[in-house]
Amino acid sequence: THTHTHTMGTVGVPAKEIVFNFICCSLVFYGVYFAISSVCFGIFGFTDVHKDLFLLPFTLTDNFNFNHRCQAVLISLAVTYLSTPFFWMLFLRRRFWDYALTITVIHIAINCLVKMAFISSWEWWVAMGIGLAVMIVVGELFVCCIKGRNDSGELLGSDDSKSVKT
């Protein structure tokens, strides 16, 4: 009998794996983002953190003036984009850039929906761009390192992996 695996846009990758990875990436990204945002807002002395916990990371104003709230949002965003790839490495083994870009586009859409307007703060866009670039570079470097190793941890193609013990 012939079995057929349904794929979505990526040759040879089952749709279930793509959906599973997307859900995991989303949960990790926003889990890390909310945790870091809570800590940052606490460090900056905001006592109303518990009121709007789920809107907290999306409170950046278009009138960016480097007040403590804006600083907390940007620091949270930067630390999230820097640290998330290390968590994603636990389950992603390919197309890291694709998941990073997809999560970022969704994050931008959520920000616009929460604000009910397009974000016009250039500082926020710069932070998003740098964050995305860092996330992609860190993730893809990890993927390249993993692809260069076999199951025993030896580099593929090295003389040690070809030697036969007699």
C-alpha atoms as a PDB file:
ATOM      1  CA  THR A   1       0.000   0.000   0.000  1.00  0.00           C
ATOM      2  CA  HIS A   2       1.052   3.553  -0.655  1.00  0.00           C
ATOM      3  CA  THR A   3       0.776   6.134   2.101  1.00  0.00           C
ATOM      4  CA  HIS A   4       0.691   9.816   1.335  1.00  0.00           C
ATOM      5  CA  THR A   5       1.905  12.511   3.717  1.00  0.00           C
ATOM      6  CA  HIS A   6       0.139  15.845   3.403  1.00  0.00           C
ATOM      7  CA  THR A   7       2.565  18.726   3.338  1.00  0.00           C
ATOM      8  CA  MET A   8       2.125  22.480   3.571  1.00  0.00           C
ATOM      9  CA  GLY A   9       4.556  24.476   1.477  1.00  0.00           C
ATOM     10  CA  THR A  10       7.674  22.678   2.721  1.00  0.00           C
ATOM     11  CA  VAL A  11       8.762  19.667   0.712  1.00  0.00           C
ATOM     12  CA  GLY A  12       8.703  16.509   2.790  1.00  0.00           C
ATOM     13  CA  VAL A  13       7.571  18.094   6.067  1.00  0.00           C
ATOM     14  CA  PRO A  14       4.214  16.799   7.326  1.00  0.00           C
ATOM     15  CA  ALA A  15       1.533  19.424   7.938  1.00  0.00           C
ATOM     16  CA  LYS A  16       1.118  18.164  11.512  1.00  0.00           C
ATOM     17  CA  GLU A  17       4.760  18.950  12.248  1.00  0.00           C
ATOM     18  CA  ILE A  18       4.448  22.460  10.823  1.00  0.00           C
ATOM     19  CA  VAL A  19       1.294  23.186  12.839  1.00  0.00           C
ATOM     20  CA  PHE A  20       2.809  21.669  15.986  1.00  0.00           C
ATOM     21  CA  ASN A  21       5.988  23.744  15.593  1.00  0.00           C
ATOM     22  CA  PHE A  22       3.980  26.907  14.942  1.00  0.00           C
ATOM     23  CA  ILE A  23       1.860  26.387  18.065  1.00  0.00           C
ATOM     24  CA  CYS A  24       4.949  25.630  20.167  1.00  0.00           C
ATOM     25  CA  CYS A  25       6.792  28.674  18.781  1.00  0.00           C
ATOM     26  CA  SER A  26       3.798  30.915  19.506  1.00  0.00           C
ATOM     27  CA  LEU A  27       3.355  29.627  23.056  1.00  0.00           C
ATOM     28  CA  VAL A  28       7.063  29.937  23.826  1.00  0.00           C
ATOM     29  CA  PHE A  29       7.369  33.419  22.293  1.00  0.00           C
ATOM     30  CA  TYR A  30       4.404  34.869  24.154  1.00  0.00           C
ATOM     31  CA  GLY A  31       5.162  32.977  27.363  1.00  0.00           C
ATOM     32  CA  VAL A  32       8.667  34.434  27.394  1.00  0.00           C
ATOM     33  CA  TYR A  33       7.369  37.861  26.329  1.00  0.00           C
ATOM     34  CA  PHE A  34       4.768  38.081  29.087  1.00  0.00           C
ATOM     35  CA  ALA A  35       7.190  36.791  31.724  1.00  0.00           C
ATOM     36  CA  ILE A  36       9.916  39.244  30.735  1.00  0.00           C
ATOM     37  CA  SER A  37       7.404  42.097  30.409  1.00  0.00           C
ATOM     38  CA  SER A  38       6.097  41.433  33.911  1.00  0.00           C
ATOM     39  CA  VAL A  39       9.624  41.507  35.325  1.00  0.00           C
ATOM     40  CA  CYS A  40      10.587  44.666  33.380  1.00  0.00           C
ATOM     41  CA  PHE A  41       7.439  46.523  34.370  1.00  0.00           C
ATOM     42  CA  GLY A  42       8.008  45.460  37.983  1.00  0.00           C
ATOM     43  CA  ILE A  43      11.622  46.678  37.898  1.00  0.00           C
ATOM     44  CA  PHE A  44      10.460  50.049  36.573  1.00  0.00           C
ATOM     45  CA  GLY A  45       8.043  50.277  39.500  1.00  0.00           C
ATOM     46  CA  PHE A  46       4.687  49.916  37.795  1.00  0.00           C
ATOM     47  CA  THR A  47       2.254  48.736  40.437  1.00  0.00           C
ATOM     48  CA  ASP A  48      -0.721  48.342  38.079  1.00  0.00           C
ATOM     49  CA  VAL A  49       0.889  45.387  36.299  1.00  0.00           C
ATOM     50  CA  HIS A  50      -1.782  42.930  37.431  1.00  0.00           C
ATOM     51  CA  LYS A  51      -4.666  44.979  35.924  1.00  0.00           C
ATOM     52  CA  ASP A  52      -3.812  44.705  32.262  1.00  0.00           C
ATOM     53  CA  LEU A  53      -1.311  41.862  32.271  1.00  0.00           C
ATOM     54  CA  PHE A  54      -2.229  40.627  28.794  1.00  0.00           C
ATOM     55  CA  LEU A  55      -2.135  44.108  27.257  1.00  0.00           C
ATOM     56  CA  LEU A  56       1.057  45.077  29.057  1.00  0.00           C
ATOM     57  CA  PRO A  57       3.545  44.254  26.271  1.00  0.00           C
ATOM     58  CA  PHE A  58       1.417  46.135  23.750  1.00  0.00           C
ATOM     59  CA  THR A  59       1.239  49.483  25.568  1.00  0.00           C
ATOM     60  CA  LEU A  60       3.866  51.319  23.536  1.00  0.00           C
ATOM     61  CA  THR A  61       2.578  54.716  22.517  1.00  0.00           C
ATOM     62  CA  ASP A  62       3.192  56.353  19.158  1.00  0.00           C
ATOM     63  CA  ASN A  63       4.395  59.383  21.100  1.00  0.00           C
ATOM     64  CA  PHE A  64       7.654  57.679  22.007  1.00  0.00           C
ATOM     65  CA  ASN A  65       9.532  59.745  24.558  1.00  0.00           C
ATOM     66  CA  PHE A  66      11.723  57.194  26.338  1.00  0.00           C
ATOM     67  CA  ASN A  67       9.575  57.212  29.447  1.00  0.00           C
ATOM     68  CA  HIS A  68       9.751  54.184  31.725  1.00  0.00           C
ATOM     69  CA  ARG A  69       6.776  52.444  30.087  1.00  0.00           C
ATOM     70  CA  CYS A  70       8.324  52.711  26.616  1.00  0.00           C
ATOM     71  CA  GLN A  71      11.682  51.568  27.950  1.00  0.00           C
ATOM     72  CA  ALA A  72      10.072  48.556  29.628  1.00  0.00           C
ATOM     73  CA  VAL A  73       8.309  47.585  26.387  1.00  0.00           C
ATOM     74  CA  LEU A  74      11.484  47.887  24.293  1.00  0.00           C
ATOM     75  CA  ILE A  75      13.627  46.016  26.806  1.00  0.00           C
ATOM     76  CA  SER A  76      10.996  43.266  27.020  1.00  0.00           C
ATOM     77  CA  LEU A  77      10.870  43.035  23.242  1.00  0.00           C
ATOM     78  CA  ALA A  78      14.669  42.920  22.886  1.00  0.00           C
ATOM     79  CA  VAL A  79      15.198  40.310  25.604  1.00  0.00           C
ATOM     80  CA  THR A  80      12.356  38.186  24.214  1.00  0.00           C
ATOM     81  CA  TYR A  81      13.782  38.196  20.695  1.00  0.00           C
ATOM     82  CA  LEU A  82      17.241  37.401  22.046  1.00  0.00           C
ATOM     83  CA  SER A  83      16.192  34.571  24.370  1.00  0.00           C
ATOM     84  CA  THR A  84      13.351  32.883  22.453  1.00  0.00           C
ATOM     85  CA  PRO A  85      15.604  31.144  19.894  1.00  0.00           C
ATOM     86  CA  PHE A  86      17.311  29.229  22.685  1.00  0.00           C
ATOM     87  CA  PHE A  87      13.946  27.773  23.729  1.00  0.00           C
ATOM     88  CA  TRP A  88      12.918  27.085  20.136  1.00  0.00           C
ATOM     89  CA  MET A  89      16.112  25.077  19.688  1.00  0.00           C
ATOM     90  CA  LEU A  90      14.538  22.387  21.849  1.00  0.00           C
ATOM     91  CA  PHE A  91      12.106  21.421  19.065  1.00  0.00           C
ATOM     92  CA  LEU A  92      12.972  23.257  15.813  1.00  0.00           C
ATOM     93  CA  ARG A  93      15.501  21.648  13.499  1.00  0.00           C
ATOM     94  CA  ARG A  94      14.838  23.464  10.208  1.00  0.00           C
ATOM     95  CA  ARG A  95      13.379  26.614   8.682  1.00  0.00           C
ATOM     96  CA  PHE A  96      14.013  28.653  11.812  1.00  0.00           C
ATOM     97  CA  TRP A  97      13.800  31.875   9.810  1.00  0.00           C
ATOM     98  CA  ASP A  98      10.309  30.961   8.600  1.00  0.00           C
ATOM     99  CA  TYR A  99       8.898  30.544  12.109  1.00  0.00           C
ATOM    100  CA  ALA A 100      10.659  33.716  13.338  1.00  0.00           C
ATOM    101  CA  LEU A 101       9.244  35.751  10.468  1.00  0.00           C
ATOM    102  CA  THR A 102       5.738  34.296  10.881  1.00  0.00           C
ATOM    103  CA  ILE A 103       5.657  34.971  14.632  1.00  0.00           C
ATOM    104  CA  THR A 104       6.916  38.525  14.035  1.00  0.00           C
ATOM    105  CA  VAL A 105       4.231  39.256  11.422  1.00  0.00           C
ATOM    106  CA  ILE A 106       1.586  37.917  13.805  1.00  0.00           C
ATOM    107  CA  HIS A 107       3.057  40.009  16.639  1.00  0.00           C
ATOM    108  CA  ILE A 108       2.851  43.130  14.472  1.00  0.00           C
ATOM    109  CA  ALA A 109      -0.774  42.318  13.606  1.00  0.00           C
ATOM    110  CA  ILE A 110      -1.653  41.809  17.290  1.00  0.00           C
ATOM    111  CA  ASN A 111      -0.014  45.136  18.170  1.00  0.00           C
ATOM    112  CA  CYS A 112      -2.046  46.904  15.484  1.00  0.00           C
ATOM    113  CA  LEU A 113      -5.252  45.206  16.661  1.00  0.00           C
ATOM    114  CA  VAL A 114      -4.667  46.105  20.308  1.00  0.00           C
ATOM    115  CA  LYS A 115      -3.899  49.730  19.412  1.00  0.00           C
ATOM    116  CA  MET A 116      -6.582  49.804  16.714  1.00  0.00           C
ATOM    117  CA  ALA A 117      -4.038  51.638  14.549  1.00  0.00           C
ATOM    118  CA  PHE A 118      -0.841  51.047  12.632  1.00  0.00           C
ATOM    119  CA  ILE A 119       2.250  51.457  14.827  1.00  0.00           C
ATOM    120  CA  SER A 120       4.060  54.607  13.716  1.00  0.00           C
ATOM    121  CA  SER A 121       6.885  54.660  16.266  1.00  0.00           C
ATOM    122  CA  TRP A 122      10.119  54.246  14.318  1.00  0.00           C
ATOM    123  CA  GLU A 123      11.891  53.104  17.499  1.00  0.00           C
ATOM    124  CA  TRP A 124       9.493  50.182  17.795  1.00  0.00           C
ATOM    125  CA  TRP A 125      10.030  49.229  14.148  1.00  0.00           C
ATOM    126  CA  VAL A 126      13.814  49.381  14.562  1.00  0.00           C
ATOM    127  CA  ALA A 127      13.565  47.179  17.669  1.00  0.00           C
ATOM    128  CA  MET A 128      11.347  44.718  15.774  1.00  0.00           C
ATOM    129  CA  GLY A 129      13.723  44.591  12.815  1.00  0.00           C
ATOM    130  CA  ILE A 130      16.833  44.109  14.925  1.00  0.00           C
ATOM    131  CA  GLY A 131      15.038  41.558  17.100  1.00  0.00           C
ATOM    132  CA  LEU A 132      13.906  39.572  14.072  1.00  0.00           C
ATOM    133  CA  ALA A 133      17.405  39.650  12.564  1.00  0.00           C
ATOM    134  CA  VAL A 134      18.973  38.451  15.830  1.00  0.00           C
ATOM    135  CA  MET A 135      16.378  35.693  16.203  1.00  0.00           C
ATOM    136  CA  ILE A 136      16.978  34.468  12.643  1.00  0.00           C
ATOM    137  CA  VAL A 137      20.783  34.597  12.872  1.00  0.00           C
ATOM    138  CA  VAL A 138      20.921  32.783  16.228  1.00  0.00           C
ATOM    139  CA  GLY A 139      18.414  30.158  15.082  1.00  0.00           C
ATOM    140  CA  GLU A 140      19.958  29.531  11.687  1.00  0.00           C
ATOM    141  CA  LEU A 141      23.446  29.253  13.177  1.00  0.00           C
ATOM    142  CA  PHE A 142      22.070  26.595  15.500  1.00  0.00           C
ATOM    143  CA  VAL A 143      20.419  24.769  12.579  1.00  0.00           C
ATOM    144  CA  CYS A 144      23.686  24.859  10.614  1.00  0.00           C
ATOM    145  CA  CYS A 145      25.595  23.448  13.590  1.00  0.00           C
ATOM    146  CA  ILE A 146      23.059  20.634  14.025  1.00  0.00           C
ATOM    147  CA  LYS A 147      23.104  19.735  10.322  1.00  0.00           C
ATOM    148  CA  GLY A 148      26.882  19.487  10.482  1.00  0.00           C
ATOM    149  CA  ARG A 149      26.803  16.786  13.147  1.00  0.00           C
ATOM    150  CA  ASN A 150      25.695  13.195  13.049  1.00  0.00           C
ATOM    151  CA  ASP A 151      23.791  11.369  15.794  1.00  0.00           C
ATOM    152  CA  SER A 152      26.932  10.623  17.824  1.00  0.00           C
ATOM    153  CA  GLY A 153      27.849  14.316  17.952  1.00  0.00           C
ATOM    154  CA  GLU A 154      30.806  14.018  15.587  1.00  0.00           C
ATOM    155  CA  LEU A 155      31.129  16.368  12.667  1.00  0.00           C
ATOM    156  CA  LEU A 156      29.934  14.786   9.446  1.00  0.00           C
ATOM    157  CA  GLY A 157      32.736  14.097   7.037  1.00  0.00           C
ATOM    158  CA  SER A 158      35.447  14.221   9.703  1.00  0.00           C
ATOM    159  CA  ASP A 159      38.123  11.546   9.675  1.00  0.00           C
ATOM    160  CA  ASP A 160      37.071  10.317  13.134  1.00  0.00           C
ATOM    161  CA  SER A 161      33.533   9.477  11.991  1.00  0.00           C
ATOM    162  CA  LYS A 162      34.860   7.328   9.119  1.00  0.00           C
ATOM    163  CA  SER A 163      37.407   5.346  11.073  1.00  0.00           C
ATOM    164  CA  VAL A 164      36.645   1.705  11.696  1.00  0.00           C
ATOM    165  CA  LYS A 165      37.856   0.079  14.870  1.00  0.00           C
ATOM    166  CA  THR A 166      39.519  -3.280  14.387  1.00  0.00           C
END
